[in-house]
All heavy atoms as atom14 arrays in JSON, in Angstrom:
{
  "sequence": "QIGDKIQIELPDGSDHDLTVVGIVTDQTASQPD",
  "atom14_mask": [
    [1, 1, 1, 1, 1, 1, 1, 1, 1, 0, 0, 0, 0, 0],
    [1, 1, 1, 1, 1, 1, 1, 1, 0, 0, 0, 0, 0, 0],
    [1, 1, 1, 1, 0, 0, 0, 0, 0, 0, 0, 0, 0, 0],
    [1, 1, 1, 1, 1, 1, 1, 1, 0, 0, 0, 0, 0, 0],
    [1, 1, 1, 1, 1, 1, 1, 1, 1, 0, 0, 0, 0, 0],
    [1, 1, 1, 1, 1, 1, 1, 1, 0, 0, 0, 0, 0, 0],
    [1, 1, 1, 1, 1, 1, 1, 1, 1, 0, 0, 0, 0, 0],
    [1, 1, 1, 1, 1, 1, 1, 1, 0, 0, 0, 0, 0, 0],
    [1, 1, 1, 1, 1, 1, 1, 1, 1, 0, 0, 0, 0, 0],
    [1, 1, 1, 1, 1, 1, 1, 1, 0, 0, 0, 0, 0, 0],
    [1, 1, 1, 1, 1, 1, 1, 0, 0, 0, 0, 0, 0, 0],
    [1, 1, 1, 1, 1, 1, 1, 1, 0, 0, 0, 0, 0, 0],
    [1, 1, 1, 1, 0, 0, 0, 0, 0, 0, 0, 0, 0, 0],
    [1, 1, 1, 1, 1, 1, 0, 0, 0, 0, 0, 0, 0, 0],
    [1, 1, 1, 1, 1, 1, 1, 1, 0, 0, 0, 0, 0, 0],
    [1, 1, 1, 1, 1, 1, 1, 1, 1, 1, 0, 0, 0, 0],
    [1, 1, 1, 1, 1, 1, 1, 1, 0, 0, 0, 0, 0, 0],
    [1, 1, 1, 1, 1, 1, 1, 1, 0, 0, 0, 0, 0, 0],
    [1, 1, 1, 1, 1, 1, 1, 0, 0, 0, 0, 0, 0, 0],
    [1, 1, 1, 1, 1, 1, 1, 0, 0, 0, 0, 0, 0, 0],
    [1, 1, 1, 1, 1, 1, 1, 0, 0, 0, 0, 0, 0, 0],
    [1, 1, 1, 1, 0, 0, 0, 0, 0, 0, 0, 0, 0, 0],
    [1, 1, 1, 1, 1, 1, 1, 1, 0, 0, 0, 0, 0, 0],
    [1, 1, 1, 1, 1, 1, 1, 0, 0, 0, 0, 0, 0, 0],
    [1, 1, 1, 1, 1, 1, 1, 0, 0, 0, 0, 0, 0, 0],
    [1, 1, 1, 1, 1, 1, 1, 1, 0, 0, 0, 0, 0, 0],
    [1, 1, 1, 1, 1, 1, 1, 1, 1, 0, 0, 0, 0, 0],
    [1, 1, 1, 1, 1, 1, 1, 0, 0, 0, 0, 0, 0, 0],
    [1, 1, 1, 1, 1, 0, 0, 0, 0, 0, 0, 0, 0, 0],
    [1, 1, 1, 1, 1, 1, 0, 0, 0, 0, 0, 0, 0, 0],
    [1, 1, 1, 1, 1, 1, 1, 1, 1, 0, 0, 0, 0, 0],
    [1, 1, 1, 1, 1, 1, 1, 0, 0, 0, 0, 0, 0, 0],
    [1, 1, 1, 1, 1, 1, 1, 1, 0, 0, 0, 0, 0, 0]
  ],
  "atom14_positions": [
    [[0.85, -1.18, 0.0], [0.0, 0.0, 0.0], [0.89, 1.23, 0.0], [2.06, 1.16, 0.42], [-0.92, 0.02, 1.24], [-1.82, -1.19, 1.35], [-2.81, -1.28, 0.2], [-3.33, -0.27, -0.26], [-3.06, -2.49, -0.27], [0.0, 0.0, 0.0], [0.0, 0.0, 0.0], [0.0, 0.0, 0.0], [0.0, 0.0, 0.0], [0.0, 0.0, 0.0]],
    [[0.36, 2.36, -0.43], [1.11, 3.61, -0.39], [1.53, 3.89, 1.05], [0.75, 3.75, 1.98], [0.27, 4.76, -0.98], [0.06, 4.5, -2.47], [0.93, 6.11, -0.73], [-0.87, 5.46, -3.15], [0.0, 0.0, 0.0], [0.0, 0.0, 0.0], [0.0, 0.0, 0.0], [0.0, 0.0, 0.0], [0.0, 0.0, 0.0], [0.0, 0.0, 0.0]],
    [[2.8, 4.23, 1.22], [3.36, 4.48, 2.54], [4.15, 3.3, 3.09], [4.94, 3.46, 4.03], [0.0, 0.0, 0.0], [0.0, 0.0, 0.0], [0.0, 0.0, 0.0], [0.0, 0.0, 0.0], [0.0, 0.0, 0.0], [0.0, 0.0, 0.0], [0.0, 0.0, 0.0], [0.0, 0.0, 0.0], [0.0, 0.0, 0.0], [0.0, 0.0, 0.0]],
    [[3.96, 2.09, 2.54], [4.72, 0.93, 2.99], [6.2, 1.11, 2.67], [6.57, 1.8, 1.72], [4.22, -0.35, 2.31], [2.9, -0.84, 2.84], [2.42, -0.29, 3.84], [2.33, -1.78, 2.24], [0.0, 0.0, 0.0], [0.0, 0.0, 0.0], [0.0, 0.0, 0.0], [0.0, 0.0, 0.0], [0.0, 0.0, 0.0], [0.0, 0.0, 0.0]],
    [[7.04, 0.46, 3.44], [8.49, 0.47, 3.22], [8.89, -0.84, 2.53], [8.39, -1.91, 2.88], [9.26, 0.6, 4.53], [8.93, 1.83, 5.33], [9.53, 3.06, 4.69], [9.27, 4.26, 5.6], [9.61, 5.5, 4.96], [0.0, 0.0, 0.0], [0.0, 0.0, 0.0], [0.0, 0.0, 0.0], [0.0, 0.0, 0.0], [0.0, 0.0, 0.0]],
    [[9.8, -0.72, 1.57], [10.34, -1.88, 0.86], [11.85, -1.82, 0.99], [12.45, -0.78, 0.77], [9.96, -1.86, -0.63], [8.45, -1.91, -0.83], [10.64, -3.0, -1.37], [8.03, -1.75, -2.27], [0.0, 0.0, 0.0], [0.0, 0.0, 0.0], [0.0, 0.0, 0.0], [0.0, 0.0, 0.0], [0.0, 0.0, 0.0], [0.0, 0.0, 0.0]],
    [[12.46, -2.94, 1.35], [13.92, -3.0, 1.39], [14.4, -3.74, 0.14], [13.9, -4.83, -0.17], [14.42, -3.72, 2.64], [15.94, -3.66, 2.76], [16.43, -4.3, 4.03], [16.41, -5.52, 4.14], [16.87, -3.48, 4.98], [0.0, 0.0, 0.0], [0.0, 0.0, 0.0], [0.0, 0.0, 0.0], [0.0, 0.0, 0.0], [0.0, 0.0, 0.0]],
    [[15.33, -3.13, -0.58], [15.88, -3.76, -1.78], [17.36, -4.01, -1.56], [18.01, -3.31, -0.8], [15.66, -2.91, -3.05], [16.38, -1.57, -2.93], [14.18, -2.72, -3.34], [16.45, -0.79, -4.23], [0.0, 0.0, 0.0], [0.0, 0.0, 0.0], [0.0, 0.0, 0.0], [0.0, 0.0, 0.0], [0.0, 0.0, 0.0], [0.0, 0.0, 0.0]],
    [[17.87, -5.04, -2.23], [19.3, -5.33, -2.19], [19.87, -5.12, -3.58], [19.37, -5.68, -4.56], [19.55, -6.77, -1.75], [21.02, -7.1, -1.66], [21.29, -8.54, -1.24], [20.4, -9.16, -0.63], [22.39, -9.03, -1.54], [0.0, 0.0, 0.0], [0.0, 0.0, 0.0], [0.0, 0.0, 0.0], [0.0, 0.0, 0.0], [0.0, 0.0, 0.0]],
    [[20.9, -4.31, -3.68], [21.56, -4.03, -4.95], [22.59, -5.1, -5.25], [22.96, -5.88, -4.37], [22.2, -2.65, -4.89], [21.23, -1.49, -4.69], [21.98, -0.17, -4.59], [20.2, -1.42, -5.78], [0.0, 0.0, 0.0], [0.0, 0.0, 0.0], [0.0, 0.0, 0.0], [0.0, 0.0, 0.0], [0.0, 0.0, 0.0], [0.0, 0.0, 0.0]],
    [[23.05, -5.17, -6.51], [24.02, -6.21, -6.88], [25.28, -6.22, -6.01], [25.9, -7.27, -5.83], [24.37, -5.88, -8.33], [23.14, -5.2, -8.85], [22.61, -4.41, -7.68], [0.0, 0.0, 0.0], [0.0, 0.0, 0.0], [0.0, 0.0, 0.0], [0.0, 0.0, 0.0], [0.0, 0.0, 0.0], [0.0, 0.0, 0.0], [0.0, 0.0, 0.0]],
    [[25.65, -5.07, -5.42], [26.84, -5.04, -4.58], [26.58, -5.52, -3.15], [27.46, -5.53, -2.3], [27.46, -3.64, -4.54], [26.58, -2.61, -3.84], [25.49, -2.96, -3.33], [26.99, -1.43, -3.81], [0.0, 0.0, 0.0], [0.0, 0.0, 0.0], [0.0, 0.0, 0.0], [0.0, 0.0, 0.0], [0.0, 0.0, 0.0], [0.0, 0.0, 0.0]],
    [[25.34, -5.93, -2.87], [24.97, -6.45, -1.56], [24.45, -5.41, -0.59], [23.98, -5.76, 0.5], [0.0, 0.0, 0.0], [0.0, 0.0, 0.0], [0.0, 0.0, 0.0], [0.0, 0.0, 0.0], [0.0, 0.0, 0.0], [0.0, 0.0, 0.0], [0.0, 0.0, 0.0], [0.0, 0.0, 0.0], [0.0, 0.0, 0.0], [0.0, 0.0, 0.0]],
    [[24.5, -4.14, -0.96], [24.0, -3.09, -0.06], [22.47, -3.07, -0.06], [21.83, -3.36, -1.06], [24.55, -1.72, -0.46], [24.11, -1.36, -1.76], [0.0, 0.0, 0.0], [0.0, 0.0, 0.0], [0.0, 0.0, 0.0], [0.0, 0.0, 0.0], [0.0, 0.0, 0.0], [0.0, 0.0, 0.0], [0.0, 0.0, 0.0], [0.0, 0.0, 0.0]],
    [[21.9, -2.76, 1.1], [20.45, -2.68, 1.26], [20.02, -1.22, 1.28], [20.72, -0.36, 1.82], [20.02, -3.33, 2.59], [20.22, -4.84, 2.57], [20.09, -5.44, 1.49], [20.49, -5.4, 3.64], [0.0, 0.0, 0.0], [0.0, 0.0, 0.0], [0.0, 0.0, 0.0], [0.0, 0.0, 0.0], [0.0, 0.0, 0.0], [0.0, 0.0, 0.0]],
    [[18.84, -0.96, 0.72], [18.28, 0.38, 0.7], [16.78, 0.28, 0.95], [16.13, -0.65, 0.48], [18.54, 1.06, -0.65], [19.99, 1.27, -0.93], [20.68, 2.37, -0.5], [20.89, 0.5, -1.57], [21.93, 2.28, -0.88], [22.09, 1.14, -1.53], [0.0, 0.0, 0.0], [0.0, 0.0, 0.0], [0.0, 0.0, 0.0], [0.0, 0.0, 0.0]],
    [[16.27, 1.24, 1.68], [14.84, 1.3, 1.96], [14.16, 2.29, 1.03], [14.68, 3.38, 0.78], [14.58, 1.73, 3.41], [15.04, 0.68, 4.41], [14.92, -0.52, 4.09], [15.51, 1.06, 5.49], [0.0, 0.0, 0.0], [0.0, 0.0, 0.0], [0.0, 0.0, 0.0], [0.0, 0.0, 0.0], [0.0, 0.0, 0.0], [0.0, 0.0, 0.0]],
    [[13.02, 1.9, 0.51], [12.2, 2.75, -0.34], [10.81, 2.83, 0.25], [10.33, 1.88, 0.87], [12.11, 2.19, -1.76], [13.41, 2.1, -2.55], [13.18, 1.34, -3.85], [13.93, 3.5, -2.84], [0.0, 0.0, 0.0], [0.0, 0.0, 0.0], [0.0, 0.0, 0.0], [0.0, 0.0, 0.0], [0.0, 0.0, 0.0], [0.0, 0.0, 0.0]],
    [[10.14, 3.96, 0.04], [8.76, 4.13, 0.46], [7.86, 4.05, -0.77], [8.14, 4.72, -1.78], [8.56, 5.5, 1.15], [9.44, 5.57, 2.26], [7.14, 5.67, 1.62], [0.0, 0.0, 0.0], [0.0, 0.0, 0.0], [0.0, 0.0, 0.0], [0.0, 0.0, 0.0], [0.0, 0.0, 0.0], [0.0, 0.0, 0.0], [0.0, 0.0, 0.0]],
    [[6.81, 3.26, -0.72], [5.86, 3.15, -1.82], [5.09, 4.47, -1.9], [4.45, 4.88, -0.94], [4.89, 1.97, -1.62], [3.84, 1.94, -2.72], [5.65, 0.66, -1.54], [0.0, 0.0, 0.0], [0.0, 0.0, 0.0], [0.0, 0.0, 0.0], [0.0, 0.0, 0.0], [0.0, 0.0, 0.0], [0.0, 0.0, 0.0], [0.0, 0.0, 0.0]],
    [[5.18, 5.14, -3.05], [4.47, 6.41, -3.23], [3.35, 6.29, -4.26], [2.58, 7.22, -4.44], [5.42, 7.56, -3.62], [6.42, 7.82, -2.51], [6.12, 7.28, -4.93], [0.0, 0.0, 0.0], [0.0, 0.0, 0.0], [0.0, 0.0, 0.0], [0.0, 0.0, 0.0], [0.0, 0.0, 0.0], [0.0, 0.0, 0.0], [0.0, 0.0, 0.0]],
    [[3.26, 5.16, -4.91], [2.19, 4.94, -5.88], [2.24, 3.52, -6.39], [3.24, 2.81, -6.24], [0.0, 0.0, 0.0], [0.0, 0.0, 0.0], [0.0, 0.0, 0.0], [0.0, 0.0, 0.0], [0.0, 0.0, 0.0], [0.0, 0.0, 0.0], [0.0, 0.0, 0.0], [0.0, 0.0, 0.0], [0.0, 0.0, 0.0], [0.0, 0.0, 0.0]],
    [[1.13, 3.08, -6.96], [1.05, 1.74, -7.52], [0.56, 1.89, -8.96], [-0.41, 2.6, -9.21], [0.06, 0.87, -6.71], [0.46, 0.92, -5.27], [-0.08, -0.5, -7.31], [0.54, -0.31, -4.49], [0.0, 0.0, 0.0], [0.0, 0.0, 0.0], [0.0, 0.0, 0.0], [0.0, 0.0, 0.0], [0.0, 0.0, 0.0], [0.0, 0.0, 0.0]],
    [[1.29, 1.27, -9.89], [0.94, 1.38, -11.31], [0.83, 0.0, -11.92], [1.33, -0.98, -11.37], [2.0, 2.2, -12.09], [2.09, 3.61, -11.57], [3.35, 1.53, -12.05], [0.0, 0.0, 0.0], [0.0, 0.0, 0.0], [0.0, 0.0, 0.0], [0.0, 0.0, 0.0], [0.0, 0.0, 0.0], [0.0, 0.0, 0.0], [0.0, 0.0, 0.0]],
    [[0.19, -0.06, -13.06], [0.09, -1.3, -13.82], [0.62, -1.03, -15.22], [0.2, -0.07, -15.85], [-1.37, -1.77, -13.91], [-1.83, -2.02, -12.59], [-1.49, -3.04, -14.72], [0.0, 0.0, 0.0], [0.0, 0.0, 0.0], [0.0, 0.0, 0.0], [0.0, 0.0, 0.0], [0.0, 0.0, 0.0], [0.0, 0.0, 0.0], [0.0, 0.0, 0.0]],
    [[1.55, -1.84, -15.66], [2.05, -1.77, -17.03], [1.22, -2.75, -17.84], [1.43, -3.96, -17.79], [3.53, -2.13, -17.06], [4.12, -2.09, -18.46], [3.35, -1.91, -19.44], [5.34, -2.22, -18.58], [0.0, 0.0, 0.0], [0.0, 0.0, 0.0], [0.0, 0.0, 0.0], [0.0, 0.0, 0.0], [0.0, 0.0, 0.0], [0.0, 0.0, 0.0]],
    [[0.27, -2.24, -18.58], [-0.66, -3.11, -19.3], [0.01, -3.88, -20.43], [-0.55, -4.84, -20.94], [-1.84, -2.31, -19.82], [-2.68, -1.76, -18.7], [-3.87, -0.96, -19.19], [-3.99, -0.65, -20.36], [-4.76, -0.62, -18.27], [0.0, 0.0, 0.0], [0.0, 0.0, 0.0], [0.0, 0.0, 0.0], [0.0, 0.0, 0.0], [0.0, 0.0, 0.0]],
    [[1.23, -3.5, -20.8], [1.92, -4.25, -21.84], [2.69, -5.43, -21.29], [3.1, -6.3, -22.03], [2.91, -3.34, -22.61], [3.95, -2.91, -21.7], [2.22, -2.15, -23.21], [0.0, 0.0, 0.0], [0.0, 0.0, 0.0], [0.0, 0.0, 0.0], [0.0, 0.0, 0.0], [0.0, 0.0, 0.0], [0.0, 0.0, 0.0], [0.0, 0.0, 0.0]],
    [[2.91, -5.45, -19.96], [3.72, -6.52, -19.38], [3.07, -7.2, -18.19], [3.4, -8.32, -17.87], [5.09, -5.97, -18.96], [0.0, 0.0, 0.0], [0.0, 0.0, 0.0], [0.0, 0.0, 0.0], [0.0, 0.0, 0.0], [0.0, 0.0, 0.0], [0.0, 0.0, 0.0], [0.0, 0.0, 0.0], [0.0, 0.0, 0.0], [0.0, 0.0, 0.0]],
    [[2.18, -6.52, -17.5], [1.62, -7.07, -16.27], [0.57, -8.13, -16.55], [-0.09, -8.12, -17.57], [0.97, -5.95, -15.45], [1.95, -5.04, -15.05], [0.0, 0.0, 0.0], [0.0, 0.0, 0.0], [0.0, 0.0, 0.0], [0.0, 0.0, 0.0], [0.0, 0.0, 0.0], [0.0, 0.0, 0.0], [0.0, 0.0, 0.0], [0.0, 0.0, 0.0]],
    [[0.46, -9.02, -15.6], [-0.56, -10.05, -15.65], [-1.32, -10.0, -14.34], [-0.7, -9.9, -13.28], [0.07, -11.43, -15.82], [0.9, -11.57, -17.06], [1.66, -12.89, -17.07], [1.37, -13.79, -16.29], [2.62, -13.01, -17.95], [0.0, 0.0, 0.0], [0.0, 0.0, 0.0], [0.0, 0.0, 0.0], [0.0, 0.0, 0.0], [0.0, 0.0, 0.0]],
    [[-2.64, -10.06, -14.37], [-3.39, -10.02, -13.11], [-3.31, -11.36, -12.38], [-4.26, -12.08, -12.24], [-4.82, -9.71, -13.56], [-4.89, -10.26, -14.95], [-3.5, -10.11, -15.53], [0.0, 0.0, 0.0], [0.0, 0.0, 0.0], [0.0, 0.0, 0.0], [0.0, 0.0, 0.0], [0.0, 0.0, 0.0], [0.0, 0.0, 0.0], [0.0, 0.0, 0.0]],
    [[-2.11, -11.68, -11.95], [-1.85, -12.98, -11.33], [-0.89, -12.73, -10.16], [0.15, -12.11, -10.33], [-1.22, -13.9, -12.38], [-0.78, -15.23, -11.83], [-0.96, -15.5, -10.62], [-0.26, -16.03, -12.61], [0.0, 0.0, 0.0], [0.0, 0.0, 0.0], [0.0, 0.0, 0.0], [0.0, 0.0, 0.0], [0.0, 0.0, 0.0], [0.0, 0.0, 0.0]]
  ]
}
């Protein structure tokens, strides 16, 4: 949901926190699954 925190790991192994600011759908690639 908007406001949630996501932790990602980059190829170098470092972790970074991101805040969800929006949710989008790419209709050319997304699948409702």
